[in-house]
Amino acid sequence: MNHPARVLIVAIVIAVLGLGAWNWRDAWWPRRPSPAASAPVSTPAPAPMPAPPDAAASVAGSPPPIRHPIEAASAPPVPEPAPATLDSALARLFGAELMATLLQSDDFARRVVATVDNLGREKAPARLWPLHPPAGRFTARRQGEGSAGGEVIAADNFVRYARHMAFVENADLAQVVALYKRFYPQFQQAYEELGYPGRHFNDRLVEVIDLLLATPEAREPVPVRLPAIQGPIQPQRPWLLYEFAEPERQAMAAGPQLMMRMGPENQRRLKVRLILLRKLLTR
């Protein structure tokens, strides 16, 4: 592969998918823990995340063959001394304002790897995202009358992503490539510490990209519902509890669900970017 370092911008694209998620599962209902759900990310030296059950089984024998190999990381020539750390490199690339308002740069490599992996699973906890969520909150609107009516995702949600979409589409790919190539060992190490020793992060990334590209585009407003809450304690933030009204959508992995929640226009724009970057990633 000629330009494997472009994986990082793909990871940023994927991470944006989580920006408007409803985290009702994390807040209210106990669910099966996700592979990265128990990993601390805010401390300087977080403890290794526990291996997912399927990861433990997959590494019991010989590691699977690498399908999308990555060339050795190397630092590109620069006119001035290159930043010594990933955090300082991110600050130089994106600037102080974006670092303060958009990126969660602490333990950035682990955040990217955990988010990419979780998008192919049941849920993607927001506390692990590498980007801050957009302002505002999820809203639904009423459609139809009486018992035949119901709630659907409101179009107001989609405009909340404008700044993040601009960030993804306008990122300087050449600079991102140089940054990723230099710090790639951190991403691979974070993936192995996630519970996949001997596995290749790039292969998992391609799998998740393919999953996202296969997300069907909604031709009509997407129905949602608030599940009934039994007992005297009612949620303080009920908008976090919305789920898809249709079982087949509710059963999708976290990544495709987030694609649906962003709206059809944002989904199309992300798919264009993902298709291009997948070609660069696997050629």
C-alpha atoms as a PDB file:
ATOM      1  CA  MET A   1       0.000   0.000   0.000  1.00  0.00           C
ATOM      2  CA  ASN A   2       1.503   3.322  -1.059  1.00  0.00           C
ATOM      3  CA  HIS A   3      -0.185   5.680   1.408  1.00  0.00           C
ATOM      4  CA  PRO A   4      -1.348   3.735   4.438  1.00  0.00           C
ATOM      5  CA  ALA A   5      -0.947   6.704   6.697  1.00  0.00           C
ATOM      6  CA  ARG A   6      -4.176   8.136   5.361  1.00  0.00           C
ATOM      7  CA  VAL A   7      -5.865   5.781   7.748  1.00  0.00           C
ATOM      8  CA  LEU A   8      -5.871   8.545  10.353  1.00  0.00           C
ATOM      9  CA  ILE A   9      -8.179  10.831   8.414  1.00  0.00           C
ATOM     10  CA  VAL A  10     -10.502   7.847   7.960  1.00  0.00           C
ATOM     11  CA  ALA A  11     -10.453   7.372  11.708  1.00  0.00           C
ATOM     12  CA  ILE A  12     -11.342  11.035  12.144  1.00  0.00           C
ATOM     13  CA  VAL A  13     -14.219  10.636   9.675  1.00  0.00           C
ATOM     14  CA  ILE A  14     -15.443   7.599  11.567  1.00  0.00           C
ATOM     15  CA  ALA A  15     -15.122   9.339  14.894  1.00  0.00           C
ATOM     16  CA  VAL A  16     -17.375  12.157  13.678  1.00  0.00           C
ATOM     17  CA  LEU A  17     -20.131   9.579  13.286  1.00  0.00           C
ATOM     18  CA  GLY A  18     -20.368   9.338  17.026  1.00  0.00           C
ATOM     19  CA  LEU A  19     -20.883  13.028  17.649  1.00  0.00           C
ATOM     20  CA  GLY A  20     -24.676  13.003  17.914  1.00  0.00           C
ATOM     21  CA  ALA A  21     -25.215   9.623  19.524  1.00  0.00           C
ATOM     22  CA  TRP A  22     -27.931   8.980  22.087  1.00  0.00           C
ATOM     23  CA  ASN A  23     -26.162   7.429  25.070  1.00  0.00           C
ATOM     24  CA  TRP A  24     -29.267   6.065  26.755  1.00  0.00           C
ATOM     25  CA  ARG A  25     -27.668   2.633  27.029  1.00  0.00           C
ATOM     26  CA  ASP A  26     -24.742   4.023  29.000  1.00  0.00           C
ATOM     27  CA  ALA A  27     -26.925   6.169  31.214  1.00  0.00           C
ATOM     28  CA  TRP A  28     -29.883   3.961  32.081  1.00  0.00           C
ATOM     29  CA  TRP A  29     -30.053   0.349  30.954  1.00  0.00           C
ATOM     30  CA  PRO A  30     -27.349  -2.223  31.763  1.00  0.00           C
ATOM     31  CA  ARG A  31     -26.055  -3.863  28.630  1.00  0.00           C
ATOM     32  CA  ARG A  32     -23.310  -6.219  27.651  1.00  0.00           C
ATOM     33  CA  PRO A  33     -19.990  -4.321  28.115  1.00  0.00           C
ATOM     34  CA  SER A  34     -18.314  -3.286  24.899  1.00  0.00           C
ATOM     35  CA  PRO A  35     -14.650  -4.164  24.340  1.00  0.00           C
ATOM     36  CA  ALA A  36     -13.389  -0.691  25.169  1.00  0.00           C
ATOM     37  CA  ALA A  37     -16.085   0.416  27.599  1.00  0.00           C
ATOM     38  CA  SER A  38     -14.021  -0.075  30.728  1.00  0.00           C
ATOM     39  CA  ALA A  39     -10.880   1.658  29.526  1.00  0.00           C
ATOM     40  CA  PRO A  40      -9.859   4.849  31.351  1.00  0.00           C
ATOM     41  CA  VAL A  41      -8.688   7.459  28.895  1.00  0.00           C
ATOM     42  CA  SER A  42      -8.217  10.617  30.915  1.00  0.00           C
ATOM     43  CA  THR A  43      -5.205   9.572  32.986  1.00  0.00           C
ATOM     44  CA  PRO A  44      -1.629   9.890  31.732  1.00  0.00           C
ATOM     45  CA  ALA A  45      -1.028   6.151  31.982  1.00  0.00           C
ATOM     46  CA  PRO A  46      -4.382   4.334  31.735  1.00  0.00           C
ATOM     47  CA  ALA A  47      -4.627   0.669  32.557  1.00  0.00           C
ATOM     48  CA  PRO A  48      -4.872  -1.706  29.578  1.00  0.00           C
ATOM     49  CA  MET A  49      -8.420  -2.396  28.463  1.00  0.00           C
ATOM     50  CA  PRO A  50      -9.742  -5.921  29.035  1.00  0.00           C
ATOM     51  CA  ALA A  51      -9.792  -8.182  26.023  1.00  0.00           C
ATOM     52  CA  PRO A  52     -13.222  -8.724  24.472  1.00  0.00           C
ATOM     53  CA  PRO A  53     -14.462 -12.320  24.580  1.00  0.00           C
ATOM     54  CA  ASP A  54     -14.189 -12.740  20.835  1.00  0.00           C
ATOM     55  CA  ALA A  55     -10.717 -11.222  20.815  1.00  0.00           C
ATOM     56  CA  ALA A  56      -9.515 -13.690  23.430  1.00  0.00           C
ATOM     57  CA  ALA A  57     -10.826 -16.554  21.340  1.00  0.00           C
ATOM     58  CA  SER A  58      -9.321 -15.229  18.131  1.00  0.00           C
ATOM     59  CA  VAL A  59      -5.815 -15.011  19.518  1.00  0.00           C
ATOM     60  CA  ALA A  60      -5.860 -18.425  21.185  1.00  0.00           C
ATOM     61  CA  GLY A  61      -4.284 -19.897  18.049  1.00  0.00           C
ATOM     62  CA  SER A  62      -2.136 -18.349  15.366  1.00  0.00           C
ATOM     63  CA  PRO A  63      -2.813 -14.678  14.534  1.00  0.00           C
ATOM     64  CA  PRO A  64      -4.837 -14.198  11.341  1.00  0.00           C
ATOM     65  CA  PRO A  65      -2.919 -13.145   8.241  1.00  0.00           C
ATOM     66  CA  ILE A  66      -2.654  -9.414   7.592  1.00  0.00           C
ATOM     67  CA  ARG A  67      -4.953  -8.452   4.725  1.00  0.00           C
ATOM     68  CA  HIS A  68      -4.064  -4.759   4.421  1.00  0.00           C
ATOM     69  CA  PRO A  69      -0.387  -4.363   5.404  1.00  0.00           C
ATOM     70  CA  ILE A  70       1.071  -1.045   6.458  1.00  0.00           C
ATOM     71  CA  GLU A  71       4.502   0.152   5.463  1.00  0.00           C
ATOM     72  CA  ALA A  72       6.922   1.087   8.218  1.00  0.00           C
ATOM     73  CA  ALA A  73       6.279   4.465   9.762  1.00  0.00           C
ATOM     74  CA  SER A  74       8.785   7.165   8.948  1.00  0.00           C
ATOM     75  CA  ALA A  75       9.072  10.841   9.697  1.00  0.00           C
ATOM     76  CA  PRO A  76       8.771  13.007   6.563  1.00  0.00           C
ATOM     77  CA  PRO A  77      11.217  15.856   5.952  1.00  0.00           C
ATOM     78  CA  VAL A  78      10.049  19.069   7.575  1.00  0.00           C
ATOM     79  CA  PRO A  79      11.433  22.609   7.472  1.00  0.00           C
ATOM     80  CA  GLU A  80      11.578  22.753  11.269  1.00  0.00           C
ATOM     81  CA  PRO A  81      11.941  20.220  14.092  1.00  0.00           C
ATOM     82  CA  ALA A  82       8.971  17.868  14.155  1.00  0.00           C
ATOM     83  CA  PRO A  83       6.831  17.738  17.310  1.00  0.00           C
ATOM     84  CA  ALA A  84       8.090  15.161  19.775  1.00  0.00           C
ATOM     85  CA  THR A  85       4.654  13.916  20.859  1.00  0.00           C
ATOM     86  CA  LEU A  86       1.358  13.110  19.189  1.00  0.00           C
ATOM     87  CA  ASP A  87      -0.375  15.783  21.250  1.00  0.00           C
ATOM     88  CA  SER A  88       2.033  18.505  20.117  1.00  0.00           C
ATOM     89  CA  ALA A  89       1.755  17.300  16.518  1.00  0.00           C
ATOM     90  CA  LEU A  90      -2.045  17.559  16.691  1.00  0.00           C
ATOM     91  CA  ALA A  91      -1.753  21.078  18.097  1.00  0.00           C
ATOM     92  CA  ARG A  92       0.507  22.140  15.220  1.00  0.00           C
ATOM     93  CA  LEU A  93      -1.740  20.521  12.619  1.00  0.00           C
ATOM     94  CA  PHE A  94      -5.143  21.728  13.806  1.00  0.00           C
ATOM     95  CA  GLY A  95      -4.347  24.819  15.867  1.00  0.00           C
ATOM     96  CA  ALA A  96      -5.160  25.853  19.414  1.00  0.00           C
ATOM     97  CA  GLU A  97      -8.826  26.664  18.778  1.00  0.00           C
ATOM     98  CA  LEU A  98      -9.721  23.279  17.330  1.00  0.00           C
ATOM     99  CA  MET A  99      -7.668  21.536  19.994  1.00  0.00           C
ATOM    100  CA  ALA A 100      -9.641  23.327  22.692  1.00  0.00           C
ATOM    101  CA  THR A 101     -13.113  23.116  21.188  1.00  0.00           C
ATOM    102  CA  LEU A 102     -13.245  20.061  18.927  1.00  0.00           C
ATOM    103  CA  LEU A 103     -10.589  17.456  19.709  1.00  0.00           C
ATOM    104  CA  GLN A 104     -10.212  15.371  22.834  1.00  0.00           C
ATOM    105  CA  SER A 105      -6.489  14.959  22.453  1.00  0.00           C
ATOM    106  CA  ASP A 106      -5.689  13.229  25.730  1.00  0.00           C
ATOM    107  CA  ASP A 107      -4.730   9.643  24.898  1.00  0.00           C
ATOM    108  CA  PHE A 108      -5.740  10.396  21.309  1.00  0.00           C
ATOM    109  CA  ALA A 109      -4.441   7.187  19.729  1.00  0.00           C
ATOM    110  CA  ARG A 110      -6.381   5.038  22.176  1.00  0.00           C
ATOM    111  CA  ARG A 111      -9.519   7.118  21.638  1.00  0.00           C
ATOM    112  CA  VAL A 112      -9.317   6.699  17.855  1.00  0.00           C
ATOM    113  CA  VAL A 113      -8.661   2.966  18.036  1.00  0.00           C
ATOM    114  CA  ALA A 114     -11.384   2.327  20.622  1.00  0.00           C
ATOM    115  CA  THR A 115     -13.952   4.366  18.677  1.00  0.00           C
ATOM    116  CA  VAL A 116     -13.169   2.650  15.376  1.00  0.00           C
ATOM    117  CA  ASP A 117     -13.477  -0.777  16.975  1.00  0.00           C
ATOM    118  CA  ASN A 118     -16.657   0.071  18.877  1.00  0.00           C
ATOM    119  CA  LEU A 119     -18.439   1.402  15.788  1.00  0.00           C
ATOM    120  CA  GLY A 120     -18.591  -2.195  14.602  1.00  0.00           C
ATOM    121  CA  ARG A 121     -20.136  -3.324  17.869  1.00  0.00           C
ATOM    122  CA  GLU A 122     -23.271  -2.769  19.911  1.00  0.00           C
ATOM    123  CA  LYS A 123     -22.394   0.681  21.214  1.00  0.00           C
ATOM    124  CA  ALA A 124     -19.665   3.305  21.045  1.00  0.00           C
ATOM    125  CA  PRO A 125     -19.355   5.073  24.435  1.00  0.00           C
ATOM    126  CA  ALA A 126     -19.025   8.831  24.050  1.00  0.00           C
ATOM    127  CA  ARG A 127     -16.401   9.045  26.783  1.00  0.00           C
ATOM    128  CA  LEU A 128     -13.938   7.364  24.408  1.00  0.00           C
ATOM    129  CA  TRP A 129     -14.514   9.565  21.350  1.00  0.00           C
ATOM    130  CA  PRO A 130     -11.613  11.653  19.995  1.00  0.00           C
ATOM    131  CA  LEU A 131     -13.976  14.553  19.194  1.00  0.00           C
ATOM    132  CA  HIS A 132     -16.325  16.612  21.341  1.00  0.00           C
ATOM    133  CA  PRO A 133     -20.025  16.321  20.439  1.00  0.00           C
ATOM    134  CA  PRO A 134     -21.824  19.204  18.730  1.00  0.00           C
ATOM    135  CA  ALA A 135     -23.895  21.682  20.682  1.00  0.00           C
ATOM    136  CA  GLY A 136     -27.544  21.067  21.354  1.00  0.00           C
ATOM    137  CA  ARG A 137     -29.418  17.826  21.895  1.00  0.00           C
ATOM    138  CA  PHE A 138     -31.308  15.220  19.944  1.00  0.00           C
ATOM    139  CA  THR A 139     -34.874  16.165  18.982  1.00  0.00           C
ATOM    140  CA  ALA A 140     -37.791  14.266  17.492  1.00  0.00           C
ATOM    141  CA  ARG A 141     -40.969  15.534  15.881  1.00  0.00           C
ATOM    142  CA  ARG A 142     -44.472  14.148  15.657  1.00  0.00           C
ATOM    143  CA  GLN A 143     -45.586  12.738  12.307  1.00  0.00           C
ATOM    144  CA  GLY A 144     -49.094  11.559  11.535  1.00  0.00           C
ATOM    145  CA  GLU A 145     -52.281  11.713  13.559  1.00  0.00           C
ATOM    146  CA  GLY A 146     -53.660   9.650  16.398  1.00  0.00           C
ATOM    147  CA  SER A 147     -52.604   6.057  16.944  1.00  0.00           C
ATOM    148  CA  ALA A 148     -51.287   5.864  13.373  1.00  0.00           C
ATOM    149  CA  GLY A 149     -48.777   8.623  14.038  1.00  0.00           C
ATOM    150  CA  GLY A 150     -45.440   8.518  15.768  1.00  0.00           C
ATOM    151  CA  GLU A 151     -42.157  10.335  16.263  1.00  0.00           C
ATOM    152  CA  VAL A 152     -39.369  10.645  13.714  1.00  0.00           C
ATOM    153  CA  ILE A 153     -35.885  12.158  13.801  1.00  0.00           C
ATOM    154  CA  ALA A 154     -36.216  15.935  13.389  1.00  0.00           C
ATOM    155  CA  ALA A 155     -34.230  17.646  10.648  1.00  0.00           C
ATOM    156  CA  ASP A 156     -32.911  20.123  13.243  1.00  0.00           C
ATOM    157  CA  ASN A 157     -30.485  17.428  14.365  1.00  0.00           C
ATOM    158  CA  PHE A 158     -28.665  17.310  11.057  1.00  0.00           C
ATOM    159  CA  VAL A 159     -27.490  20.948  11.031  1.00  0.00           C
ATOM    160  CA  ARG A 160     -25.741  20.431  14.366  1.00  0.00           C
ATOM    161  CA  TYR A 161     -23.011  18.574  12.472  1.00  0.00           C
ATOM    162  CA  ALA A 162     -22.074  21.458  10.160  1.00  0.00           C
ATOM    163  CA  ARG A 163     -18.806  22.385  11.880  1.00  0.00           C
ATOM    164  CA  HIS A 164     -17.700  18.787  12.248  1.00  0.00           C
ATOM    165  CA  MET A 165     -18.500  17.973   8.640  1.00  0.00           C
ATOM    166  CA  ALA A 166     -16.453  20.980   7.532  1.00  0.00           C
ATOM    167  CA  PHE A 167     -13.577  19.744   9.690  1.00  0.00           C
ATOM    168  CA  VAL A 168     -13.654  16.306   8.072  1.00  0.00           C
ATOM    169  CA  GLU A 169     -13.941  17.580   4.506  1.00  0.00           C
ATOM    170  CA  ASN A 170     -11.337  20.354   4.814  1.00  0.00           C
ATOM    171  CA  ALA A 171      -8.627  18.511   6.750  1.00  0.00           C
ATOM    172  CA  ASP A 172      -5.222  18.777   5.046  1.00  0.00           C
ATOM    173  CA  LEU A 173      -4.722  15.183   3.963  1.00  0.00           C
ATOM    174  CA  ALA A 174      -0.995  15.540   3.250  1.00  0.00           C
ATOM    175  CA  GLN A 175      -0.295  16.827   6.762  1.00  0.00           C
ATOM    176  CA  VAL A 176      -2.505  14.174   8.316  1.00  0.00           C
ATOM    177  CA  VAL A 177      -0.590  11.526   6.364  1.00  0.00           C
ATOM    178  CA  ALA A 178       2.731  12.806   7.687  1.00  0.00           C
ATOM    179  CA  LEU A 179       1.447  12.878  11.252  1.00  0.00           C
ATOM    180  CA  TYR A 180      -0.045   9.410  11.095  1.00  0.00           C
ATOM    181  CA  LYS A 181       3.003   7.802   9.518  1.00  0.00           C
ATOM    182  CA  ARG A 182       5.222   9.185  12.221  1.00  0.00           C
ATOM    183  CA  PHE A 183       3.014   8.088  15.120  1.00  0.00           C
ATOM    184  CA  TYR A 184       1.504   4.918  13.670  1.00  0.00           C
ATOM    185  CA  PRO A 185       3.155   2.601  16.241  1.00  0.00           C
ATOM    186  CA  GLN A 186       1.025   4.263  18.933  1.00  0.00           C
ATOM    187  CA  PHE A 187      -2.184   3.358  17.097  1.00  0.00           C
ATOM    188  CA  GLN A 188      -1.101  -0.233  16.558  1.00  0.00           C
ATOM    189  CA  GLN A 189      -0.001  -0.575  20.178  1.00  0.00           C
ATOM    190  CA  ALA A 190      -3.307   0.857  21.395  1.00  0.00           C
ATOM    191  CA  TYR A 191      -5.170  -1.710  19.297  1.00  0.00           C
ATOM    192  CA  GLU A 192      -3.176  -4.588  20.723  1.00  0.00           C
ATOM    193  CA  GLU A 193      -3.718  -3.283  24.256  1.00  0.00           C
ATOM    194  CA  LEU A 194      -7.437  -3.116  23.506  1.00  0.00           C
ATOM    195  CA  GLY A 195      -7.367  -6.912  23.481  1.00  0.00           C
ATOM    196  CA  TYR A 196      -6.078  -7.890  20.038  1.00  0.00           C
ATOM    197  CA  PRO A 197      -2.436  -8.973  20.347  1.00  0.00           C
ATOM    198  CA  GLY A 198      -1.126 -10.077  16.983  1.00  0.00           C
ATOM    199  CA  ARG A 199      -4.012  -8.433  15.132  1.00  0.00           C
ATOM    200  CA  HIS A 200      -3.637  -5.619  12.589  1.00  0.00           C
ATOM    201  CA  PHE A 201      -5.500  -2.364  13.296  1.00  0.00           C
ATOM    202  CA  ASN A 202      -5.601  -1.482   9.626  1.00  0.00           C
ATOM    203  CA  ASP A 203      -7.591  -4.644   8.867  1.00  0.00           C
ATOM    204  CA  ARG A 204     -10.175  -3.767  11.513  1.00  0.00           C
ATOM    205  CA  LEU A 205     -10.418  -0.236  10.153  1.00  0.00           C
ATOM    206  CA  VAL A 206     -11.208  -1.488   6.655  1.00  0.00           C
ATOM    207  CA  GLU A 207     -13.880  -3.807   8.079  1.00  0.00           C
ATOM    208  CA  VAL A 208     -15.568  -0.908   9.847  1.00  0.00           C
ATOM    209  CA  ILE A 209     -15.380   1.305   6.757  1.00  0.00           C
ATOM    210  CA  ASP A 210     -17.117  -1.399   4.739  1.00  0.00           C
ATOM    211  CA  LEU A 211     -19.791  -1.703   7.434  1.00  0.00           C
ATOM    212  CA  LEU A 212     -20.451   2.039   7.318  1.00  0.00           C
ATOM    213  CA  LEU A 213     -20.565   2.129   3.529  1.00  0.00           C
ATOM    214  CA  ALA A 214     -23.194  -0.626   3.599  1.00  0.00           C
ATOM    215  CA  THR A 215     -25.548   1.469   5.753  1.00  0.00           C
ATOM    216  CA  PRO A 216     -28.811   1.925   3.822  1.00  0.00           C
ATOM    217  CA  GLU A 217     -29.903   5.483   3.178  1.00  0.00           C
ATOM    218  CA  ALA A 218     -33.292   6.387   4.627  1.00  0.00           C
ATOM    219  CA  ARG A 219     -35.681   7.648   1.952  1.00  0.00           C
ATOM    220  CA  GLU A 220     -38.202   8.888   4.515  1.00  0.00           C
ATOM    221  CA  PRO A 221     -37.987  10.313   8.053  1.00  0.00           C
ATOM    222  CA  VAL A 222     -36.685   7.652  10.431  1.00  0.00           C
ATOM    223  CA  PRO A 223     -39.183   6.553  13.128  1.00  0.00           C
ATOM    224  CA  VAL A 224     -37.979   6.652  16.734  1.00  0.00           C
ATOM    225  CA  ARG A 225     -39.604   6.066  20.097  1.00  0.00           C
ATOM    226  CA  LEU A 226     -39.109   6.620  23.791  1.00  0.00           C
ATOM    227  CA  PRO A 227     -39.177   3.320  25.689  1.00  0.00           C
ATOM    228  CA  ALA A 228     -41.508   3.184  28.666  1.00  0.00           C
ATOM    229  CA  ILE A 229     -39.756   3.781  31.986  1.00  0.00           C
ATOM    230  CA  GLN A 230     -41.262   1.746  34.808  1.00  0.00           C
ATOM    231  CA  GLY A 231     -41.089   2.913  38.400  1.00  0.00           C
ATOM    232  CA  PRO A 232     -41.179   6.250  40.197  1.00  0.00           C
ATOM    233  CA  ILE A 233     -37.782   7.501  39.016  1.00  0.00           C
ATOM    234  CA  GLN A 234     -38.019   9.239  35.667  1.00  0.00           C
ATOM    235  CA  PRO A 235     -35.014  10.294  33.564  1.00  0.00           C
ATOM    236  CA  GLN A 236     -33.726  13.845  33.887  1.00  0.00           C
ATOM    237  CA  ARG A 237     -32.685  13.880  30.213  1.00  0.00           C
ATOM    238  CA  PRO A 238     -35.268  11.808  28.333  1.00  0.00           C
ATOM    239  CA  TRP A 239     -33.854  12.748  24.926  1.00  0.00           C
ATOM    240  CA  LEU A 240     -30.970  10.375  25.674  1.00  0.00           C
ATOM    241  CA  LEU A 241     -33.360   7.433  25.754  1.00  0.00           C
ATOM    242  CA  TYR A 242     -34.649   7.526  22.183  1.00  0.00           C
ATOM    243  CA  GLU A 243     -34.241   4.364  20.142  1.00  0.00           C
ATOM    244  CA  PHE A 244     -35.223   3.286  16.640  1.00  0.00           C
ATOM    245  CA  ALA A 245     -38.845   2.199  16.367  1.00  0.00           C
ATOM    246  CA  GLU A 246     -38.034  -0.457  13.762  1.00  0.00           C
ATOM    247  CA  PRO A 247     -36.345  -3.603  15.169  1.00  0.00           C
ATOM    248  CA  GLU A 248     -34.016  -4.042  12.197  1.00  0.00           C
ATOM    249  CA  ARG A 249     -32.560  -0.552  12.692  1.00  0.00           C
ATOM    250  CA  GLN A 250     -32.343  -0.938  16.449  1.00  0.00           C
ATOM    251  CA  ALA A 251     -30.395  -4.181  15.922  1.00  0.00           C
ATOM    252  CA  MET A 252     -27.715  -2.502  13.769  1.00  0.00           C
ATOM    253  CA  ALA A 253     -24.205  -1.950  15.101  1.00  0.00           C
ATOM    254  CA  ALA A 254     -23.325   1.430  16.604  1.00  0.00           C
ATOM    255  CA  GLY A 255     -21.689   2.775  13.429  1.00  0.00           C
ATOM    256  CA  PRO A 256     -24.616   2.229  11.046  1.00  0.00           C
ATOM    257  CA  GLN A 257     -27.018   3.552  13.697  1.00  0.00           C
ATOM    258  CA  LEU A 258     -25.011   6.752  13.950  1.00  0.00           C
ATOM    259  CA  MET A 259     -24.979   7.096  10.169  1.00  0.00           C
ATOM    260  CA  MET A 260     -28.781   6.953  10.210  1.00  0.00           C
ATOM    261  CA  ARG A 261     -29.037   9.572  12.959  1.00  0.00           C
ATOM    262  CA  MET A 262     -26.889  12.091  11.098  1.00  0.00           C
ATOM    263  CA  GLY A 263     -29.392  12.394   8.264  1.00  0.00           C
ATOM    264  CA  PRO A 264     -29.227  11.392   4.593  1.00  0.00           C
ATOM    265  CA  GLU A 265     -27.239  14.392   3.332  1.00  0.00           C
ATOM    266  CA  ASN A 266     -24.501  14.056   5.946  1.00  0.00           C
ATOM    267  CA  GLN A 267     -24.461  10.318   5.343  1.00  0.00           C
ATOM    268  CA  ARG A 268     -23.913  10.807   1.599  1.00  0.00           C
ATOM    269  CA  ARG A 269     -21.092  13.277   2.209  1.00  0.00           C
ATOM    270  CA  LEU A 270     -19.354  10.914   4.612  1.00  0.00           C
ATOM    271  CA  LYS A 271     -19.699   7.994   2.222  1.00  0.00           C
ATOM    272  CA  VAL A 272     -18.024   9.979  -0.551  1.00  0.00           C
ATOM    273  CA  ARG A 273     -15.087  10.615   1.763  1.00  0.00           C
ATOM    274  CA  LEU A 274     -14.978   7.025   2.990  1.00  0.00           C
ATOM    275  CA  ILE A 275     -15.031   5.572  -0.534  1.00  0.00           C
ATOM    276  CA  LEU A 276     -12.112   7.735  -1.612  1.00  0.00           C
ATOM    277  CA  LEU A 277     -10.089   7.036   1.500  1.00  0.00           C
ATOM    278  CA  ARG A 278     -10.735   3.311   1.378  1.00  0.00           C
ATOM    279  CA  LYS A 279      -9.198   3.247  -2.099  1.00  0.00           C
ATOM    280  CA  LEU A 280      -6.130   5.060  -0.805  1.00  0.00           C
ATOM    281  CA  LEU A 281      -5.976   2.768   2.188  1.00  0.00           C
ATOM    282  CA  THR A 282      -6.082  -0.583   0.398  1.00  0.00           C
ATOM    283  CA  ARG A 283      -4.376  -0.025  -2.962  1.00  0.00           C
END
